[in-house]
Amino acid sequence: MFDDIVFPLEISRQSVAGPEFSTDVTETGGGFERRNQNWEGGRLRFNVAPGVRMRSDHETLLAFFRCRAGKARGFRFRDWTDDRSGDLGAAPAATDQLLGTGDGARQFFQLRKAYVSGEVTQRRKITRPVEDTVKVALGGIEQMAGWSVDLDTGLVSFDDPPPVDVIVTAGFQFDVPARFEIDRLEPVWLFPDAYQAPEIPIIEIRE
């Protein structure tokens, strides 16, 4: 189950965030290593406990946690360290990310974000774009009409297939599909109007 609701932004702004991978490392008798990468892409993990300090924070989190029934229901989460197609300090541009190349027949293109380091490129599937932030371009020219985007899948649909060899690009902001990693919430009451939580983990849902 997934609720199309954003985790409280005032709490997520203070969260600890970052991608994690799964790698098996086997060490030989001579001290050499053999590494096996289990996941092709990273999976985001968050700790929102740093954002829960005041009574109002606790009350907001408690209501959200109860309505999601702990791990049971997914939701949108804003990763303030990586929430858009281009530079964090800039508004999305229609030419930010390459989605593909037209072939005269294909009408659907998935939103993606590329991460490049050296000769390695990792492409991340974006499934939860933010409403009214998606921009699309054909051959570098922004298209003001003739397309739509599904906010639950990140799939861009064109009314007419882009012509052969025309580059399809997009710019957007996006949320992360996520869920709580716990079924039990344990905040600590310190004194009137002040609370503390040791850890409140949230994990990305793969879609």
C-alpha atoms as a PDB file:
ATOM      1  CA  MET A   1       0.000   0.000   0.000  1.00  0.00           C
ATOM      2  CA  PHE A   2       1.194   3.509  -0.844  1.00  0.00           C
ATOM      3  CA  ASP A   3      -0.219   6.831   0.348  1.00  0.00           C
ATOM      4  CA  ASP A   4       0.420   9.763  -1.998  1.00  0.00           C
ATOM      5  CA  ILE A   5       1.447  12.060   0.839  1.00  0.00           C
ATOM      6  CA  VAL A   6       4.776  13.749   1.574  1.00  0.00           C
ATOM      7  CA  PHE A   7       6.531  13.108   4.886  1.00  0.00           C
ATOM      8  CA  PRO A   8       6.476  16.359   6.931  1.00  0.00           C
ATOM      9  CA  LEU A   9       8.989  18.672   5.275  1.00  0.00           C
ATOM     10  CA  GLU A  10       9.877  20.551   8.456  1.00  0.00           C
ATOM     11  CA  ILE A  11      11.150  17.267   9.947  1.00  0.00           C
ATOM     12  CA  SER A  12      12.810  15.830   6.831  1.00  0.00           C
ATOM     13  CA  ARG A  13      14.945  18.972   6.395  1.00  0.00           C
ATOM     14  CA  GLN A  14      16.993  17.922   9.440  1.00  0.00           C
ATOM     15  CA  SER A  15      17.307  14.254   8.467  1.00  0.00           C
ATOM     16  CA  VAL A  16      20.482  12.267   7.886  1.00  0.00           C
ATOM     17  CA  ALA A  17      20.348  10.921   4.325  1.00  0.00           C
ATOM     18  CA  GLY A  18      22.400   8.892   1.886  1.00  0.00           C
ATOM     19  CA  PRO A  19      22.502   5.880  -0.459  1.00  0.00           C
ATOM     20  CA  GLU A  20      23.602   2.433   0.645  1.00  0.00           C
ATOM     21  CA  PHE A  21      24.758  -0.601  -1.354  1.00  0.00           C
ATOM     22  CA  SER A  22      25.012  -4.323  -0.665  1.00  0.00           C
ATOM     23  CA  THR A  23      28.452  -5.814  -1.258  1.00  0.00           C
ATOM     24  CA  ASP A  24      29.881  -9.165  -0.180  1.00  0.00           C
ATOM     25  CA  VAL A  25      33.627  -9.059   0.485  1.00  0.00           C
ATOM     26  CA  THR A  26      35.613 -12.305   0.732  1.00  0.00           C
ATOM     27  CA  GLU A  27      39.217 -12.156   1.904  1.00  0.00           C
ATOM     28  CA  THR A  28      41.649 -14.816   0.689  1.00  0.00           C
ATOM     29  CA  GLY A  29      44.413 -16.368   2.750  1.00  0.00           C
ATOM     30  CA  GLY A  30      46.912 -13.979   1.181  1.00  0.00           C
ATOM     31  CA  GLY A  31      44.937 -10.919   2.182  1.00  0.00           C
ATOM     32  CA  PHE A  32      43.484 -10.236  -1.258  1.00  0.00           C
ATOM     33  CA  GLU A  33      39.792  -9.411  -1.671  1.00  0.00           C
ATOM     34  CA  ARG A  34      37.007 -10.610  -3.889  1.00  0.00           C
ATOM     35  CA  ARG A  35      33.990  -8.311  -4.018  1.00  0.00           C
ATOM     36  CA  ASN A  36      30.511  -9.166  -5.231  1.00  0.00           C
ATOM     37  CA  GLN A  37      28.103  -6.278  -5.869  1.00  0.00           C
ATOM     38  CA  ASN A  38      24.593  -7.511  -5.045  1.00  0.00           C
ATOM     39  CA  TRP A  39      22.662  -4.384  -6.063  1.00  0.00           C
ATOM     40  CA  GLU A  40      22.997  -2.564  -9.357  1.00  0.00           C
ATOM     41  CA  GLY A  41      21.888   0.727  -7.822  1.00  0.00           C
ATOM     42  CA  GLY A  42      21.958   2.318  -4.399  1.00  0.00           C
ATOM     43  CA  ARG A  43      19.035   2.351  -1.983  1.00  0.00           C
ATOM     44  CA  LEU A  44      18.414   5.441   0.116  1.00  0.00           C
ATOM     45  CA  ARG A  45      18.227   5.330   3.882  1.00  0.00           C
ATOM     46  CA  PHE A  46      17.209   8.191   6.165  1.00  0.00           C
ATOM     47  CA  ASN A  47      17.183   8.931   9.882  1.00  0.00           C
ATOM     48  CA  VAL A  48      14.654  11.638  10.729  1.00  0.00           C
ATOM     49  CA  ALA A  49      15.287  11.656  14.493  1.00  0.00           C
ATOM     50  CA  PRO A  50      17.392  14.878  14.335  1.00  0.00           C
ATOM     51  CA  GLY A  51      14.292  16.727  13.110  1.00  0.00           C
ATOM     52  CA  VAL A  52      12.195  15.804  16.166  1.00  0.00           C
ATOM     53  CA  ARG A  53      12.963  18.279  18.928  1.00  0.00           C
ATOM     54  CA  MET A  54       9.843  20.147  19.984  1.00  0.00           C
ATOM     55  CA  ARG A  55       6.397  18.966  21.051  1.00  0.00           C
ATOM     56  CA  SER A  56       4.932  20.113  17.736  1.00  0.00           C
ATOM     57  CA  ASP A  57       7.470  17.937  15.871  1.00  0.00           C
ATOM     58  CA  HIS A  58       6.535  14.932  17.982  1.00  0.00           C
ATOM     59  CA  GLU A  59       2.814  15.456  17.489  1.00  0.00           C
ATOM     60  CA  THR A  60       3.235  15.772  13.714  1.00  0.00           C
ATOM     61  CA  LEU A  61       5.416  12.658  13.524  1.00  0.00           C
ATOM     62  CA  LEU A  62       3.134  10.641  15.808  1.00  0.00           C
ATOM     63  CA  ALA A  63       0.080  11.327  13.647  1.00  0.00           C
ATOM     64  CA  PHE A  64       2.001  10.506  10.455  1.00  0.00           C
ATOM     65  CA  PHE A  65       3.444   7.291  11.928  1.00  0.00           C
ATOM     66  CA  ARG A  66       0.076   6.069  13.212  1.00  0.00           C
ATOM     67  CA  CYS A  67      -1.652   6.751   9.895  1.00  0.00           C
ATOM     68  CA  ARG A  68       1.050   4.857   8.011  1.00  0.00           C
ATOM     69  CA  ALA A  69       0.786   1.957  10.503  1.00  0.00           C
ATOM     70  CA  GLY A  70       4.549   1.761  10.892  1.00  0.00           C
ATOM     71  CA  LYS A  71       6.089  -0.210   8.018  1.00  0.00           C
ATOM     72  CA  ALA A  72       2.726  -1.001   6.403  1.00  0.00           C
ATOM     73  CA  ARG A  73       2.145   2.000   4.144  1.00  0.00           C
ATOM     74  CA  GLY A  74       4.571   3.768   1.845  1.00  0.00           C
ATOM     75  CA  PHE A  75       4.771   7.534   1.289  1.00  0.00           C
ATOM     76  CA  ARG A  76       6.740  10.247  -0.465  1.00  0.00           C
ATOM     77  CA  PHE A  77       9.924  11.497   1.177  1.00  0.00           C
ATOM     78  CA  ARG A  78      11.840  14.630   0.192  1.00  0.00           C
ATOM     79  CA  ASP A  79      15.602  14.069   0.101  1.00  0.00           C
ATOM     80  CA  TRP A  80      16.933  17.595   0.493  1.00  0.00           C
ATOM     81  CA  THR A  81      20.445  16.447  -0.500  1.00  0.00           C
ATOM     82  CA  ASP A  82      19.276  15.193  -3.914  1.00  0.00           C
ATOM     83  CA  ASP A  83      15.765  16.216  -5.020  1.00  0.00           C
ATOM     84  CA  ARG A  84      16.052  17.502  -8.592  1.00  0.00           C
ATOM     85  CA  SER A  85      17.360  16.732 -12.054  1.00  0.00           C
ATOM     86  CA  GLY A  86      20.132  19.344 -12.084  1.00  0.00           C
ATOM     87  CA  ASP A  87      22.130  21.380  -9.600  1.00  0.00           C
ATOM     88  CA  LEU A  88      20.544  21.650  -6.149  1.00  0.00           C
ATOM     89  CA  GLY A  89      20.705  25.421  -6.277  1.00  0.00           C
ATOM     90  CA  ALA A  90      18.989  25.721  -9.654  1.00  0.00           C
ATOM     91  CA  ALA A  91      15.470  25.295 -10.990  1.00  0.00           C
ATOM     92  CA  PRO A  92      14.992  22.230 -13.221  1.00  0.00           C
ATOM     93  CA  ALA A  93      15.623  22.822 -16.934  1.00  0.00           C
ATOM     94  CA  ALA A  94      14.045  20.820 -19.764  1.00  0.00           C
ATOM     95  CA  THR A  95      17.490  19.703 -20.970  1.00  0.00           C
ATOM     96  CA  ASP A  96      18.828  18.445 -17.608  1.00  0.00           C
ATOM     97  CA  GLN A  97      18.541  14.686 -18.153  1.00  0.00           C
ATOM     98  CA  LEU A  98      18.586  12.444 -21.209  1.00  0.00           C
ATOM     99  CA  LEU A  99      15.551  10.146 -21.416  1.00  0.00           C
ATOM    100  CA  GLY A 100      16.220   8.588 -24.797  1.00  0.00           C
ATOM    101  CA  THR A 101      16.101   9.081 -28.552  1.00  0.00           C
ATOM    102  CA  GLY A 102      13.002   9.105 -30.730  1.00  0.00           C
ATOM    103  CA  ASP A 103      12.441   6.335 -33.246  1.00  0.00           C
ATOM    104  CA  GLY A 104       9.145   7.484 -34.735  1.00  0.00           C
ATOM    105  CA  ALA A 105       7.153   4.846 -32.851  1.00  0.00           C
ATOM    106  CA  ARG A 106       8.008   5.055 -29.152  1.00  0.00           C
ATOM    107  CA  GLN A 107       5.647   7.266 -27.127  1.00  0.00           C
ATOM    108  CA  PHE A 108       6.698   6.514 -23.525  1.00  0.00           C
ATOM    109  CA  PHE A 109       9.929   7.579 -21.802  1.00  0.00           C
ATOM    110  CA  GLN A 110      10.873   6.950 -18.165  1.00  0.00           C
ATOM    111  CA  LEU A 111      12.221   9.816 -16.058  1.00  0.00           C
ATOM    112  CA  ARG A 112      15.798   9.070 -15.032  1.00  0.00           C
ATOM    113  CA  LYS A 113      18.730  10.809 -13.425  1.00  0.00           C
ATOM    114  CA  ALA A 114      22.328  10.028 -14.363  1.00  0.00           C
ATOM    115  CA  TYR A 115      25.259  10.116 -11.921  1.00  0.00           C
ATOM    116  CA  VAL A 116      28.676  10.271 -13.604  1.00  0.00           C
ATOM    117  CA  SER A 117      32.113   9.729 -12.100  1.00  0.00           C
ATOM    118  CA  GLY A 118      35.049   9.047 -14.391  1.00  0.00           C
ATOM    119  CA  GLU A 119      34.035   6.441 -16.961  1.00  0.00           C
ATOM    120  CA  VAL A 120      31.205   5.067 -14.828  1.00  0.00           C
ATOM    121  CA  THR A 121      27.590   6.234 -15.185  1.00  0.00           C
ATOM    122  CA  GLN A 122      24.741   5.115 -12.941  1.00  0.00           C
ATOM    123  CA  ARG A 123      21.195   5.826 -14.107  1.00  0.00           C
ATOM    124  CA  ARG A 124      18.501   6.105 -11.482  1.00  0.00           C
ATOM    125  CA  LYS A 125      14.829   5.510 -12.247  1.00  0.00           C
ATOM    126  CA  ILE A 126      12.627   8.357 -10.993  1.00  0.00           C
ATOM    127  CA  THR A 127       9.071   7.280 -10.176  1.00  0.00           C
ATOM    128  CA  ARG A 128       7.685  10.071  -7.994  1.00  0.00           C
ATOM    129  CA  PRO A 129       8.142  13.459  -9.703  1.00  0.00           C
ATOM    130  CA  VAL A 130       6.776  16.531  -7.959  1.00  0.00           C
ATOM    131  CA  GLU A 131       3.621  17.941  -9.534  1.00  0.00           C
ATOM    132  CA  ASP A 132       4.075  20.948 -11.857  1.00  0.00           C
ATOM    133  CA  THR A 133       7.891  20.701 -11.888  1.00  0.00           C
ATOM    134  CA  VAL A 134       8.438  18.441 -14.915  1.00  0.00           C
ATOM    135  CA  LYS A 135       9.711  20.065 -18.128  1.00  0.00           C
ATOM    136  CA  VAL A 136      10.318  18.203 -21.387  1.00  0.00           C
ATOM    137  CA  ALA A 137      12.364  19.054 -24.481  1.00  0.00           C
ATOM    138  CA  LEU A 138      12.727  17.538 -27.946  1.00  0.00           C
ATOM    139  CA  GLY A 139      16.008  18.258 -29.666  1.00  0.00           C
ATOM    140  CA  GLY A 140      16.804  20.875 -27.027  1.00  0.00           C
ATOM    141  CA  ILE A 141      13.544  22.772 -27.531  1.00  0.00           C
ATOM    142  CA  GLU A 142      11.160  22.807 -24.577  1.00  0.00           C
ATOM    143  CA  GLN A 143       7.705  21.422 -25.341  1.00  0.00           C
ATOM    144  CA  MET A 144       4.854  23.318 -23.727  1.00  0.00           C
ATOM    145  CA  ALA A 145       2.209  20.806 -24.841  1.00  0.00           C
ATOM    146  CA  GLY A 146       1.809  17.422 -26.503  1.00  0.00           C
ATOM    147  CA  TRP A 147       2.939  15.329 -23.548  1.00  0.00           C
ATOM    148  CA  SER A 148       1.957  14.327 -20.002  1.00  0.00           C
ATOM    149  CA  VAL A 149       3.652  12.682 -17.023  1.00  0.00           C
ATOM    150  CA  ASP A 150       2.337  10.098 -14.574  1.00  0.00           C
ATOM    151  CA  LEU A 151       3.139  11.304 -11.048  1.00  0.00           C
ATOM    152  CA  ASP A 152       2.919   7.717  -9.709  1.00  0.00           C
ATOM    153  CA  THR A 153       5.387   6.163 -12.174  1.00  0.00           C
ATOM    154  CA  GLY A 154       7.485   8.973 -13.649  1.00  0.00           C
ATOM    155  CA  LEU A 155       6.507   7.860 -17.152  1.00  0.00           C
ATOM    156  CA  VAL A 156       6.358  10.628 -19.784  1.00  0.00           C
ATOM    157  CA  SER A 157       3.786  10.016 -22.540  1.00  0.00           C
ATOM    158  CA  PHE A 158       3.828  11.883 -25.872  1.00  0.00           C
ATOM    159  CA  ASP A 159       0.680  12.435 -27.916  1.00  0.00           C
ATOM    160  CA  ASP A 160       2.759  11.741 -31.022  1.00  0.00           C
ATOM    161  CA  PRO A 161       5.978   9.680 -31.003  1.00  0.00           C
ATOM    162  CA  PRO A 162       9.131  11.846 -31.162  1.00  0.00           C
ATOM    163  CA  PRO A 163      10.686  11.724 -34.647  1.00  0.00           C
ATOM    164  CA  VAL A 164      13.624   9.476 -35.488  1.00  0.00           C
ATOM    165  CA  ASP A 165      16.953  10.515 -33.902  1.00  0.00           C
ATOM    166  CA  VAL A 166      15.424  13.394 -31.928  1.00  0.00           C
ATOM    167  CA  ILE A 167      16.885  13.611 -28.409  1.00  0.00           C
ATOM    168  CA  VAL A 168      14.312  13.496 -25.570  1.00  0.00           C
ATOM    169  CA  THR A 169      15.300  15.267 -22.333  1.00  0.00           C
ATOM    170  CA  ALA A 170      13.576  16.410 -19.150  1.00  0.00           C
ATOM    171  CA  GLY A 171      14.016  18.390 -15.964  1.00  0.00           C
ATOM    172  CA  PHE A 172      12.117  17.821 -12.728  1.00  0.00           C
ATOM    173  CA  GLN A 173      12.004  17.734  -8.965  1.00  0.00           C
ATOM    174  CA  PHE A 174      11.227  14.435  -7.312  1.00  0.00           C
ATOM    175  CA  ASP A 175      10.382  12.647  -4.086  1.00  0.00           C
ATOM    176  CA  VAL A 176      11.577   9.229  -2.930  1.00  0.00           C
ATOM    177  CA  PRO A 177       9.060   6.397  -2.423  1.00  0.00           C
ATOM    178  CA  ALA A 178       9.758   5.299   1.136  1.00  0.00           C
ATOM    179  CA  ARG A 179       8.474   3.620   4.285  1.00  0.00           C
ATOM    180  CA  PHE A 180       9.336   3.456   7.958  1.00  0.00           C
ATOM    181  CA  GLU A 181      11.896   0.783   8.855  1.00  0.00           C
ATOM    182  CA  ILE A 182      10.288   0.390  12.289  1.00  0.00           C
ATOM    183  CA  ASP A 183       6.882  -0.639  13.626  1.00  0.00           C
ATOM    184  CA  ARG A 184       7.509   0.926  17.020  1.00  0.00           C
ATOM    185  CA  LEU A 185       7.994   4.609  17.798  1.00  0.00           C
ATOM    186  CA  GLU A 186       9.957   5.376  20.985  1.00  0.00           C
ATOM    187  CA  PRO A 187      10.471   9.116  21.573  1.00  0.00           C
ATOM    188  CA  VAL A 188      11.893  10.301  24.894  1.00  0.00           C
ATOM    189  CA  TRP A 189      10.211  13.150  26.792  1.00  0.00           C
ATOM    190  CA  LEU A 190      13.007  15.358  28.143  1.00  0.00           C
ATOM    191  CA  PHE A 191      11.098  18.260  29.655  1.00  0.00           C
ATOM    192  CA  PRO A 192       8.019  20.320  28.714  1.00  0.00           C
ATOM    193  CA  ASP A 193       7.940  20.995  24.967  1.00  0.00           C
ATOM    194  CA  ALA A 194      11.144  19.030  24.257  1.00  0.00           C
ATOM    195  CA  TYR A 195      11.474  15.492  22.879  1.00  0.00           C
ATOM    196  CA  GLN A 196      14.269  13.280  21.635  1.00  0.00           C
ATOM    197  CA  ALA A 197      14.332  10.080  19.584  1.00  0.00           C
ATOM    198  CA  PRO A 198      17.447   7.871  19.330  1.00  0.00           C
ATOM    199  CA  GLU A 199      16.725   6.804  15.738  1.00  0.00           C
ATOM    200  CA  ILE A 200      13.764   6.897  13.360  1.00  0.00           C
ATOM    201  CA  PRO A 201      14.871   5.042  10.221  1.00  0.00           C
ATOM    202  CA  ILE A 202      13.144   5.417   6.870  1.00  0.00           C
ATOM    203  CA  ILE A 203      14.119   3.377   3.820  1.00  0.00           C
ATOM    204  CA  GLU A 204      13.533   3.749   0.087  1.00  0.00           C
ATOM    205  CA  ILE A 205      10.997   1.484  -1.611  1.00  0.00           C
ATOM    206  CA  ARG A 206      12.174   0.133  -4.963  1.00  0.00           C
ATOM    207  CA  GLU A 207       9.602   0.657  -7.712  1.00  0.00           C
END
